Every structure is written in C-alpha cells, then in structure tokens.
PDB file of N, CA and C in Angstrom:
ATOM      1  N   MET A   1       0.838  -1.175   0.000  1.00  0.00           N
ATOM      2  CA  MET A   1       0.000   0.000   0.000  1.00  0.00           C
ATOM      3  C   MET A   1       0.881   1.235   0.000  1.00  0.00           C
ATOM      4  N   GLU A   2       1.111   1.736  -1.154  1.00  0.00           N
ATOM      5  CA  GLU A   2       2.024   2.845  -1.295  1.00  0.00           C
ATOM      6  C   GLU A   2       1.245   4.121  -1.495  1.00  0.00           C
ATOM      7  N   GLU A   3       1.708   5.162  -0.811  1.00  0.00           N
ATOM      8  CA  GLU A   3       1.092   6.467  -0.967  1.00  0.00           C
ATOM      9  C   GLU A   3       2.133   7.375  -1.589  1.00  0.00           C
ATOM     10  N   GLU A   4       1.739   8.137  -2.576  1.00  0.00           N
ATOM     11  CA  GLU A   4       2.694   8.990  -3.241  1.00  0.00           C
ATOM     12  C   GLU A   4       2.133  10.393  -3.353  1.00  0.00           C
ATOM     13  N   ASN A   5       3.025  11.375  -3.383  1.00  0.00           N
ATOM     14  CA  ASN A   5       2.586  12.747  -3.594  1.00  0.00           C
ATOM     15  C   ASN A   5       2.470  12.996  -5.080  1.00  0.00           C
ATOM     16  N   SER A   6       1.398  13.619  -5.483  1.00  0.00           N
ATOM     17  CA  SER A   6       1.195  13.951  -6.876  1.00  0.00           C
ATOM     18  C   SER A   6       0.694  15.382  -6.930  1.00  0.00           C
ATOM     19  N   CYS A   7       1.559  16.291  -7.273  1.00  0.00           N
ATOM     20  CA  CYS A   7       1.236  17.703  -7.335  1.00  0.00           C
ATOM     21  C   CYS A   7       0.833  18.221  -5.969  1.00  0.00           C
ATOM     22  N   CYS A   8      -0.450  18.329  -5.733  1.00  0.00           N
ATOM     23  CA  CYS A   8      -0.924  18.993  -4.518  1.00  0.00           C
ATOM     24  C   CYS A   8      -1.685  18.074  -3.571  1.00  0.00           C
ATOM     25  N   TYR A   9      -1.760  16.792  -3.855  1.00  0.00           N
ATOM     26  CA  TYR A   9      -2.539  15.907  -3.002  1.00  0.00           C
ATOM     27  C   TYR A   9      -1.885  14.536  -2.922  1.00  0.00           C
ATOM     28  N   LYS A  10      -2.252  13.810  -1.877  1.00  0.00           N
ATOM     29  CA  LYS A  10      -1.724  12.464  -1.668  1.00  0.00           C
ATOM     30  C   LYS A  10      -2.613  11.456  -2.380  1.00  0.00           C
ATOM     31  N   ARG A  11      -2.042  10.298  -2.668  1.00  0.00           N
ATOM     32  CA  ARG A  11      -2.795   9.209  -3.278  1.00  0.00           C
ATOM     33  C   ARG A  11      -2.523   7.952  -2.477  1.00  0.00           C
ATOM     34  N   LYS A  12      -3.407   6.971  -2.602  1.00  0.00           N
ATOM     35  CA  LYS A  12      -3.218   5.703  -1.927  1.00  0.00           C
ATOM     36  C   LYS A  12      -3.626   4.571  -2.853  1.00  0.00           C
ATOM     37  N   GLU A  13      -2.746   3.616  -2.999  1.00  0.00           N
ATOM     38  CA  GLU A  13      -3.092   2.414  -3.743  1.00  0.00           C
ATOM     39  C   GLU A  13      -3.767   1.447  -2.782  1.00  0.00           C
ATOM     40  N   ARG A  14      -4.944   0.973  -3.154  1.00  0.00           N
ATOM     41  CA  ARG A  14      -5.704   0.069  -2.303  1.00  0.00           C
ATOM     42  C   ARG A  14      -5.640  -1.345  -2.852  1.00  0.00           C
ATOM     43  N   SER A  15      -5.766  -2.302  -1.953  1.00  0.00           N
ATOM     44  CA  SER A  15      -5.840  -3.687  -2.405  1.00  0.00           C
ATOM     45  C   SER A  15      -7.127  -3.866  -3.199  1.00  0.00           C
ATOM     46  N   GLU A  16      -7.168  -4.903  -4.013  1.00  0.00           N
ATOM     47  CA  GLU A  16      -8.363  -5.201  -4.812  1.00  0.00           C
ATOM     48  C   GLU A  16      -9.576  -5.390  -3.906  1.00  0.00           C
ATOM     49  N   LYS A  17      -9.380  -6.104  -2.786  1.00  0.00           N
ATOM     50  CA  LYS A  17     -10.480  -6.371  -1.852  1.00  0.00           C
ATOM     51  C   LYS A  17     -11.001  -5.068  -1.234  1.00  0.00           C
ATOM     52  N   GLU A  18     -10.087  -4.222  -0.766  1.00  0.00           N
ATOM     53  CA  GLU A  18     -10.498  -2.954  -0.162  1.00  0.00           C
ATOM     54  C   GLU A  18     -11.222  -2.089  -1.188  1.00  0.00           C
ATOM     55  N   TYR A  19     -10.679  -2.011  -2.393  1.00  0.00           N
ATOM     56  CA  TYR A  19     -11.289  -1.213  -3.453  1.00  0.00           C
ATOM     57  C   TYR A  19     -12.704  -1.698  -3.760  1.00  0.00           C
ATOM     58  N   LYS A  20     -12.864  -3.001  -3.943  1.00  0.00           N
ATOM     59  CA  LYS A  20     -14.182  -3.553  -4.264  1.00  0.00           C
ATOM     60  C   LYS A  20     -15.177  -3.301  -3.142  1.00  0.00           C
ATOM     61  N   ASP A  21     -14.746  -3.469  -1.898  1.00  0.00           N
ATOM     62  CA  ASP A  21     -15.634  -3.240  -0.757  1.00  0.00           C
ATOM     63  C   ASP A  21     -16.098  -1.785  -0.721  1.00  0.00           C
ATOM     64  N   LEU A  22     -15.166  -0.856  -0.858  1.00  0.00           N
ATOM     65  CA  LEU A  22     -15.531   0.562  -0.828  1.00  0.00           C
ATOM     66  C   LEU A  22     -16.454   0.922  -1.988  1.00  0.00           C
ATOM     67  N   MET A  23     -16.147   0.423  -3.175  1.00  0.00           N
ATOM     68  CA  MET A  23     -16.978   0.731  -4.342  1.00  0.00           C
ATOM     69  C   MET A  23     -18.380   0.126  -4.205  1.00  0.00           C
ATOM     70  N   ASN A  24     -18.481  -1.087  -3.677  1.00  0.00           N
ATOM     71  CA  ASN A  24     -19.800  -1.691  -3.459  1.00  0.00           C
ATOM     72  C   ASN A  24     -20.621  -0.860  -2.491  1.00  0.00           C
ATOM     73  N   ARG A  25     -19.987  -0.415  -1.423  1.00  0.00           N
ATOM     74  CA  ARG A  25     -20.692   0.425  -0.451  1.00  0.00           C
ATOM     75  C   ARG A  25     -21.162   1.725  -1.105  1.00  0.00           C
ATOM     76  N   LEU A  26     -20.285   2.362  -1.869  1.00  0.00           N
ATOM     77  CA  LEU A  26     -20.651   3.618  -2.527  1.00  0.00           C
ATOM     78  C   LEU A  26     -21.755   3.423  -3.562  1.00  0.00           C
ATOM     79  N   ASN A  27     -21.708   2.321  -4.282  1.00  0.00           N
ATOM     80  CA  ASN A  27     -22.773   2.048  -5.253  1.00  0.00           C
ATOM     81  C   ASN A  27     -24.124   1.872  -4.568  1.00  0.00           C
ATOM     82  N   ARG A  28     -24.129   1.183  -3.412  1.00  0.00           N
ATOM     83  CA  ARG A  28     -25.383   1.030  -2.658  1.00  0.00           C
ATOM     84  C   ARG A  28     -25.889   2.385  -2.178  1.00  0.00           C
ATOM     85  N   ILE A  29     -24.973   3.204  -1.663  1.00  0.00           N
ATOM     86  CA  ILE A  29     -25.358   4.537  -1.177  1.00  0.00           C
ATOM     87  C   ILE A  29     -25.898   5.379  -2.324  1.00  0.00           C
ATOM     88  N   GLU A  30     -25.240   5.319  -3.468  1.00  0.00           N
ATOM     89  CA  GLU A  30     -25.694   6.061  -4.641  1.00  0.00           C
ATOM     90  C   GLU A  30     -27.106   5.625  -5.032  1.00  0.00           C
ATOM     91  N   GLY A  31     -27.360   4.334  -4.989  1.00  0.00           N
ATOM     92  CA  GLY A  31     -28.699   3.828  -5.294  1.00  0.00           C
ATOM     93  C   GLY A  31     -29.733   4.313  -4.296  1.00  0.00           C
ATOM     94  N   GLN A  32     -29.335   4.355  -3.013  1.00  0.00           N
ATOM     95  CA  GLN A  32     -30.260   4.847  -1.991  1.00  0.00           C
ATOM     96  C   GLN A  32     -30.594   6.319  -2.235  1.00  0.00           C
ATOM     97  N   VAL A  33     -29.591   7.114  -2.596  1.00  0.00           N
ATOM     98  CA  VAL A  33     -29.824   8.540  -2.840  1.00  0.00           C
ATOM     99  C   VAL A  33     -30.729   8.726  -4.059  1.00  0.00           C
ATOM    100  N   ARG A  34     -30.498   7.934  -5.103  1.00  0.00           N
ATOM    101  CA  ARG A  34     -31.396   7.997  -6.267  1.00  0.00           C
ATOM    102  C   ARG A  34     -32.825   7.619  -5.864  1.00  0.00           C
ATOM    103  N   GLY A  35     -32.942   6.647  -4.965  1.00  0.00           N
ATOM    104  CA  GLY A  35     -34.267   6.249  -4.480  1.00  0.00           C
ATOM    105  C   GLY A  35     -34.956   7.385  -3.740  1.00  0.00           C
ATOM    106  N   ILE A  36     -34.189   8.126  -2.958  1.00  0.00           N
ATOM    107  CA  ILE A  36     -34.756   9.279  -2.245  1.00  0.00           C
ATOM    108  C   ILE A  36     -35.211  10.339  -3.233  1.00  0.00           C
ATOM    109  N   LYS A  37     -34.409  10.578  -4.246  1.00  0.00           N
ATOM    110  CA  LYS A  37     -34.791  11.545  -5.274  1.00  0.00           C
ATOM    111  C   LYS A  37     -36.112  11.128  -5.921  1.00  0.00           C
ATOM    112  N   GLY A  38     -36.243   9.842  -6.231  1.00  0.00           N
ATOM    113  CA  GLY A  38     -37.479   9.333  -6.813  1.00  0.00           C
ATOM    114  C   GLY A  38     -38.657   9.504  -5.876  1.00  0.00           C
ATOM    115  N   MET A  39     -38.415   9.330  -4.589  1.00  0.00           N
ATOM    116  CA  MET A  39     -39.484   9.506  -3.608  1.00  0.00           C
ATOM    117  C   MET A  39     -39.977  10.952  -3.596  1.00  0.00           C
ATOM    118  N   VAL A  40     -39.038  11.891  -3.671  1.00  0.00           N
ATOM    119  CA  VAL A  40     -39.415  13.310  -3.701  1.00  0.00           C
ATOM    120  C   VAL A  40     -40.193  13.603  -4.977  1.00  0.00           C
ATOM    121  N   GLU A  41     -39.715  13.068  -6.092  1.00  0.00           N
ATOM    122  CA  GLU A  41     -40.402  13.290  -7.370  1.00  0.00           C
ATOM    123  C   GLU A  41     -41.826  12.738  -7.354  1.00  0.00           C
ATOM    124  N   LYS A  42     -42.050  11.659  -6.578  1.00  0.00           N
ATOM    125  CA  LYS A  42     -43.374  11.030  -6.514  1.00  0.00           C
ATOM    126  C   LYS A  42     -44.213  11.547  -5.349  1.00  0.00           C
ATOM    127  N   ASP A  43     -43.753  12.606  -4.713  1.00  0.00           N
ATOM    128  CA  ASP A  43     -44.480  13.225  -3.599  1.00  0.00           C
ATOM    129  C   ASP A  43     -44.752  12.242  -2.461  1.00  0.00           C
ATOM    130  N   VAL A  44     -43.783  11.397  -2.157  1.00  0.00           N
ATOM    131  CA  VAL A  44     -43.922  10.444  -1.046  1.00  0.00           C
ATOM    132  C   VAL A  44     -43.983  11.219   0.269  1.00  0.00           C
ATOM    133  N   TYR A  45     -44.672  10.670   1.226  1.00  0.00           N
ATOM    134  CA  TYR A  45     -44.849  11.272   2.552  1.00  0.00           C
ATOM    135  C   TYR A  45     -43.492  11.575   3.194  1.00  0.00           C
ATOM    136  N   CYS A  46     -43.384  12.742   3.812  1.00  0.00           N
ATOM    137  CA  CYS A  46     -42.123  13.247   4.378  1.00  0.00           C
ATOM    138  C   CYS A  46     -41.432  12.248   5.314  1.00  0.00           C
ATOM    139  N   ILE A  47     -42.195  11.645   6.205  1.00  0.00           N
ATOM    140  CA  ILE A  47     -41.613  10.724   7.181  1.00  0.00           C
ATOM    141  C   ILE A  47     -40.942   9.548   6.479  1.00  0.00           C
ATOM    142  N   ASP A  48     -41.544   9.047   5.439  1.00  0.00           N
ATOM    143  CA  ASP A  48     -40.953   7.934   4.697  1.00  0.00           C
ATOM    144  C   ASP A  48     -39.618   8.340   4.062  1.00  0.00           C
ATOM    145  N   ILE A  49     -39.562   9.566   3.565  1.00  0.00           N
ATOM    146  CA  ILE A  49     -38.315  10.067   2.978  1.00  0.00           C
ATOM    147  C   ILE A  49     -37.270  10.247   4.073  1.00  0.00           C
ATOM    148  N   LEU A  50     -37.671  10.805   5.192  1.00  0.00           N
ATOM    149  CA  LEU A  50     -36.736  11.010   6.302  1.00  0.00           C
ATOM    150  C   LEU A  50     -36.124   9.693   6.782  1.00  0.00           C
ATOM    151  N   VAL A  51     -36.917   8.645   6.812  1.00  0.00           N
ATOM    152  CA  VAL A  51     -36.411   7.326   7.215  1.00  0.00           C
ATOM    153  C   VAL A  51     -35.337   6.860   6.232  1.00  0.00           C
ATOM    154  N   GLN A  52     -35.567   7.086   4.948  1.00  0.00           N
ATOM    155  CA  GLN A  52     -34.576   6.691   3.949  1.00  0.00           C
ATOM    156  C   GLN A  52     -33.311   7.546   4.033  1.00  0.00           C
ATOM    157  N   VAL A  53     -33.470   8.821   4.330  1.00  0.00           N
ATOM    158  CA  VAL A  53     -32.311   9.701   4.513  1.00  0.00           C
ATOM    159  C   VAL A  53     -31.485   9.221   5.710  1.00  0.00           C
ATOM    160  N   ALA A  54     -32.155   8.809   6.779  1.00  0.00           N
ATOM    161  CA  ALA A  54     -31.445   8.277   7.943  1.00  0.00           C
ATOM    162  C   ALA A  54     -30.662   7.019   7.566  1.00  0.00           C
ATOM    163  N   ALA A  55     -31.230   6.198   6.699  1.00  0.00           N
ATOM    164  CA  ALA A  55     -30.530   4.987   6.243  1.00  0.00           C
ATOM    165  C   ALA A  55     -29.283   5.349   5.443  1.00  0.00           C
ATOM    166  N   VAL A  56     -29.371   6.391   4.608  1.00  0.00           N
ATOM    167  CA  VAL A  56     -28.203   6.835   3.844  1.00  0.00           C
ATOM    168  C   VAL A  56     -27.132   7.378   4.788  1.00  0.00           C
ATOM    169  N   ASN A  57     -27.560   8.155   5.778  1.00  0.00           N
ATOM    170  CA  ASN A  57     -26.600   8.670   6.764  1.00  0.00           C
ATOM    171  C   ASN A  57     -25.888   7.527   7.482  1.00  0.00           C
ATOM    172  N   ALA A  58     -26.623   6.495   7.854  1.00  0.00           N
ATOM    173  CA  ALA A  58     -26.025   5.338   8.524  1.00  0.00           C
ATOM    174  C   ALA A  58     -25.047   4.627   7.593  1.00  0.00           C
ATOM    175  N   ALA A  59     -25.405   4.517   6.325  1.00  0.00           N
ATOM    176  CA  ALA A  59     -24.514   3.867   5.355  1.00  0.00           C
ATOM    177  C   ALA A  59     -23.243   4.682   5.150  1.00  0.00           C
ATOM    178  N   LEU A  60     -23.366   5.999   5.099  1.00  0.00           N
ATOM    179  CA  LEU A  60     -22.177   6.854   4.974  1.00  0.00           C
ATOM    180  C   LEU A  60     -21.297   6.758   6.213  1.00  0.00           C
ATOM    181  N   ASN A  61     -21.914   6.714   7.383  1.00  0.00           N
ATOM    182  CA  ASN A  61     -21.133   6.551   8.616  1.00  0.00           C
ATOM    183  C   ASN A  61     -20.392   5.224   8.622  1.00  0.00           C
ATOM    184  N   SER A  62     -21.044   4.183   8.155  1.00  0.00           N
ATOM    185  CA  SER A  62     -20.410   2.875   8.063  1.00  0.00           C
ATOM    186  C   SER A  62     -19.249   2.914   7.072  1.00  0.00           C
ATOM    187  N   PHE A  63     -19.433   3.575   5.943  1.00  0.00           N
ATOM    188  CA  PHE A  63     -18.362   3.744   4.956  1.00  0.00           C
ATOM    189  C   PHE A  63     -17.173   4.457   5.605  1.00  0.00           C
ATOM    190  N   ASN A  64     -17.450   5.543   6.326  1.00  0.00           N
ATOM    191  CA  ASN A  64     -16.386   6.287   7.011  1.00  0.00           C
ATOM    192  C   ASN A  64     -15.621   5.404   7.984  1.00  0.00           C
ATOM    193  N   LYS A  65     -16.333   4.582   8.746  1.00  0.00           N
ATOM    194  CA  LYS A  65     -15.672   3.710   9.723  1.00  0.00           C
ATOM    195  C   LYS A  65     -14.730   2.730   9.048  1.00  0.00           C
ATOM    196  N   VAL A  66     -15.187   2.130   7.951  1.00  0.00           N
ATOM    197  CA  VAL A  66     -14.352   1.172   7.220  1.00  0.00           C
ATOM    198  C   VAL A  66     -13.130   1.877   6.635  1.00  0.00           C
ATOM    199  N   LEU A  67     -13.355   3.026   5.990  1.00  0.00           N
ATOM    200  CA  LEU A  67     -12.258   3.771   5.384  1.00  0.00           C
ATOM    201  C   LEU A  67     -11.257   4.238   6.438  1.00  0.00           C
ATOM    202  N   LEU A  68     -11.758   4.735   7.563  1.00  0.00           N
ATOM    203  CA  LEU A  68     -10.882   5.199   8.638  1.00  0.00           C
ATOM    204  C   LEU A  68     -10.066   4.056   9.227  1.00  0.00           C
ATOM    205  N   ALA A  69     -10.693   2.920   9.446  1.00  0.00           N
ATOM    206  CA  ALA A  69      -9.969   1.761   9.986  1.00  0.00           C
ATOM    207  C   ALA A  69      -8.866   1.334   9.024  1.00  0.00           C
ATOM    208  N   ASN A  70      -9.174   1.287   7.737  1.00  0.00           N
ATOM    209  CA  ASN A  70      -8.157   0.935   6.736  1.00  0.00           C
ATOM    210  C   ASN A  70      -7.026   1.957   6.740  1.00  0.00           C
ATOM    211  N   HIS A  71      -7.369   3.226   6.862  1.00  0.00           N
ATOM    212  CA  HIS A  71      -6.370   4.298   6.878  1.00  0.00           C
ATOM    213  C   HIS A  71      -5.435   4.142   8.075  1.00  0.00           C
ATOM    214  N   ILE A  72      -6.004   3.875   9.231  1.00  0.00           N
ATOM    215  CA  ILE A  72      -5.178   3.729  10.429  1.00  0.00           C
ATOM    216  C   ILE A  72      -4.262   2.520  10.305  1.00  0.00           C
ATOM    217  N   ARG A  73      -4.806   1.398   9.812  1.00  0.00           N
ATOM    218  CA  ARG A  73      -4.005   0.174   9.687  1.00  0.00           C
ATOM    219  C   ARG A  73      -2.881   0.296   8.666  1.00  0.00           C
ATOM    220  N   THR A  74      -3.071   1.133   7.657  1.00  0.00           N
ATOM    221  CA  THR A  74      -2.066   1.202   6.591  1.00  0.00           C
ATOM    222  C   THR A  74      -1.274   2.503   6.664  1.00  0.00           C
ATOM    223  N   CYS A  75      -1.861   3.594   6.249  1.00  0.00           N
ATOM    224  CA  CYS A  75      -1.145   4.869   6.131  1.00  0.00           C
ATOM    225  C   CYS A  75      -0.607   5.372   7.469  1.00  0.00           C
ATOM    226  N   VAL A  76      -1.457   5.396   8.482  1.00  0.00           N
ATOM    227  CA  VAL A  76      -1.041   5.934   9.778  1.00  0.00           C
ATOM    228  C   VAL A  76       0.046   5.047  10.392  1.00  0.00           C
ATOM    229  N   ALA A  77      -0.170   3.740  10.384  1.00  0.00           N
ATOM    230  CA  ALA A  77       0.818   2.822  10.958  1.00  0.00           C
ATOM    231  C   ALA A  77       2.163   2.967  10.248  1.00  0.00           C
ATOM    232  N   ARG A  78       2.139   3.035   8.923  1.00  0.00           N
ATOM    233  CA  ARG A  78       3.378   3.187   8.157  1.00  0.00           C
ATOM    234  C   ARG A  78       4.083   4.487   8.495  1.00  0.00           C
ATOM    235  N   ASP A  79       3.320   5.589   8.517  1.00  0.00           N
ATOM    236  CA  ASP A  79       3.930   6.888   8.796  1.00  0.00           C
ATOM    237  C   ASP A  79       4.521   6.948  10.197  1.00  0.00           C
ATOM    238  N   ILE A  80       3.854   6.345  11.168  1.00  0.00           N
ATOM    239  CA  ILE A  80       4.395   6.333  12.530  1.00  0.00           C
ATOM    240  C   ILE A  80       5.704   5.543  12.561  1.00  0.00           C
ATOM    241  N   ARG A  81       5.714   4.385  11.886  1.00  0.00           N
ATOM    242  CA  ARG A  81       6.958   3.603  11.820  1.00  0.00           C
ATOM    243  C   ARG A  81       8.078   4.405  11.183  1.00  0.00           C
ATOM    244  N   GLU A  82       7.736   5.257  10.231  1.00  0.00           N
ATOM    245  CA  GLU A  82       8.728   6.076   9.538  1.00  0.00           C
ATOM    246  C   GLU A  82       9.025   7.381  10.271  1.00  0.00           C
ATOM    247  N   GLY A  83       8.405   7.590  11.442  1.00  0.00           N
ATOM    248  CA  GLY A  83       8.677   8.780  12.237  1.00  0.00           C
ATOM    249  C   GLY A  83       7.951  10.033  11.794  1.00  0.00           C
ATOM    250  N   LYS A  84       6.918   9.895  10.975  1.00  0.00           N
ATOM    251  CA  LYS A  84       6.154  11.053  10.498  1.00  0.00           C
ATOM    252  C   LYS A  84       5.031  11.363  11.488  1.00  0.00           C
ATOM    253  N   GLU A  85       5.388  12.057  12.548  1.00  0.00           N
ATOM    254  CA  GLU A  85       4.444  12.360  13.626  1.00  0.00           C
ATOM    255  C   GLU A  85       3.296  13.267  13.177  1.00  0.00           C
ATOM    256  N   GLU A  86       3.496  14.048  12.112  1.00  0.00           N
ATOM    257  CA  GLU A  86       2.435  14.955  11.648  1.00  0.00           C
ATOM    258  C   GLU A  86       1.195  14.193  11.208  1.00  0.00           C
ATOM    259  N   THR A  87       1.355  12.920  10.915  1.00  0.00           N
ATOM    260  CA  THR A  87       0.208  12.097  10.538  1.00  0.00           C
ATOM    261  C   THR A  87      -0.776  11.970  11.691  1.00  0.00           C
ATOM    262  N   LEU A  88      -0.273  11.948  12.915  1.00  0.00           N
ATOM    263  CA  LEU A  88      -1.179  11.899  14.070  1.00  0.00           C
ATOM    264  C   LEU A  88      -1.992  13.179  14.176  1.00  0.00           C
ATOM    265  N   ASP A  89      -1.368  14.326  13.923  1.00  0.00           N
ATOM    266  CA  ASP A  89      -2.099  15.601  13.935  1.00  0.00           C
ATOM    267  C   ASP A  89      -3.192  15.596  12.864  1.00  0.00           C
ATOM    268  N   GLU A  90      -2.868  15.059  11.692  1.00  0.00           N
ATOM    269  CA  GLU A  90      -3.842  14.958  10.601  1.00  0.00           C
ATOM    270  C   GLU A  90      -5.010  14.053  11.011  1.00  0.00           C
ATOM    271  N   LEU A  91      -4.692  12.936  11.657  1.00  0.00           N
ATOM    272  CA  LEU A  91      -5.729  12.003  12.105  1.00  0.00           C
ATOM    273  C   LEU A  91      -6.633  12.645  13.151  1.00  0.00           C
ATOM    274  N   VAL A  92      -6.041  13.337  14.120  1.00  0.00           N
ATOM    275  CA  VAL A  92      -6.833  14.013  15.150  1.00  0.00           C
ATOM    276  C   VAL A  92      -7.742  15.056  14.514  1.00  0.00           C
ATOM    277  N   ALA A  93      -7.228  15.816  13.563  1.00  0.00           N
ATOM    278  CA  ALA A  93      -8.032  16.847  12.902  1.00  0.00           C
ATOM    279  C   ALA A  93      -9.215  16.234  12.151  1.00  0.00           C
ATOM    280  N   VAL A  94      -8.973  15.130  11.449  1.00  0.00           N
ATOM    281  CA  VAL A  94     -10.080  14.525  10.699  1.00  0.00           C
ATOM    282  C   VAL A  94     -11.095  13.916  11.647  1.00  0.00           C
ATOM    283  N   LEU A  95     -10.651  13.342  12.749  1.00  0.00           N
ATOM    284  CA  LEU A  95     -11.601  12.785  13.733  1.00  0.00           C
ATOM    285  C   LEU A  95     -12.464  13.894  14.321  1.00  0.00           C
ATOM    286  N   GLN A  96     -11.872  15.055  14.585  1.00  0.00           N
ATOM    287  CA  GLN A  96     -12.658  16.176  15.099  1.00  0.00           C
ATOM    288  C   GLN A  96     -13.697  16.621  14.094  1.00  0.00           C
ATOM    289  N   ARG A  97     -13.363  16.615  12.808  1.00  0.00           N
ATOM    290  CA  ARG A  97     -14.333  17.000  11.772  1.00  0.00           C
ATOM    291  C   ARG A  97     -15.440  15.965  11.652  1.00  0.00           C
ATOM    292  N   LEU A  98     -15.089  14.683  11.781  1.00  0.00           N
ATOM    293  CA  LEU A  98     -16.091  13.633  11.655  1.00  0.00           C
ATOM    294  C   LEU A  98     -17.053  13.608  12.833  1.00  0.00           C
ATOM    295  N   MET A  99     -16.617  14.092  13.973  1.00  0.00           N
ATOM    296  CA  MET A  99     -17.433  14.001  15.188  1.00  0.00           C
ATOM    297  C   MET A  99     -18.251  15.260  15.444  1.00  0.00           C
ATOM    298  N   LYS A 100     -18.340  16.163  14.503  1.00  0.00           N
ATOM    299  CA  LYS A 100     -19.157  17.378  14.686  1.00  0.00           C
ATOM    300  C   LYS A 100     -20.606  17.037  14.759  1.00  0.00           C
TER     301      LYS A 100
END
C-alpha cells in the first residue's frame, strides 16, 4: 500500500479487496440517494423520505468507519513507523471534523 505525492494531493493504492468493498458500499449509497430523489419526485410522505435519509446517513457513517480503519491500519501505521508524527495531527483533525 504505497502512498505517493502527486502535485498537490496524496494518493493511496488500495488492495483489490479494499477497493471492491468501498466501491460496493458507494454504489449502494448512490442507489439509496437515487431512491430518495425518486421519492421526492413522486411526492412520497415526508416521514418515509426522512427514514430513507437516515438509512443513507447510517450507510455513509459505516463507509467512514471502514475507510478510517483501513487508513489507520495502513497509512497511519506506516507513517508512525517512519517517524512522520504529523500524521497523528492529521488524524486528530479529521476525527474532530467527523465528530461534529
């Protein structure tokens, strides 16, 4: 799992398994959002739409947890081994943003 700098942003190569898992999750979330759009177009009752929005929020939170765990196991662990302490500051900052 190599991360390289490219111009102004970092990149990460993911394993085939990690990539497929993340993409499957995103495809499901995308389908759920399209379903919500269809519900609005069909004038579905507000509460029913809100329940579906809550499901999308839960799916996004689950996606974040998986992505964050993978990040800690790979990028953060590697950077700490290499003495790049600034990675911990980056991790703390992103956790603070996620917990708003």
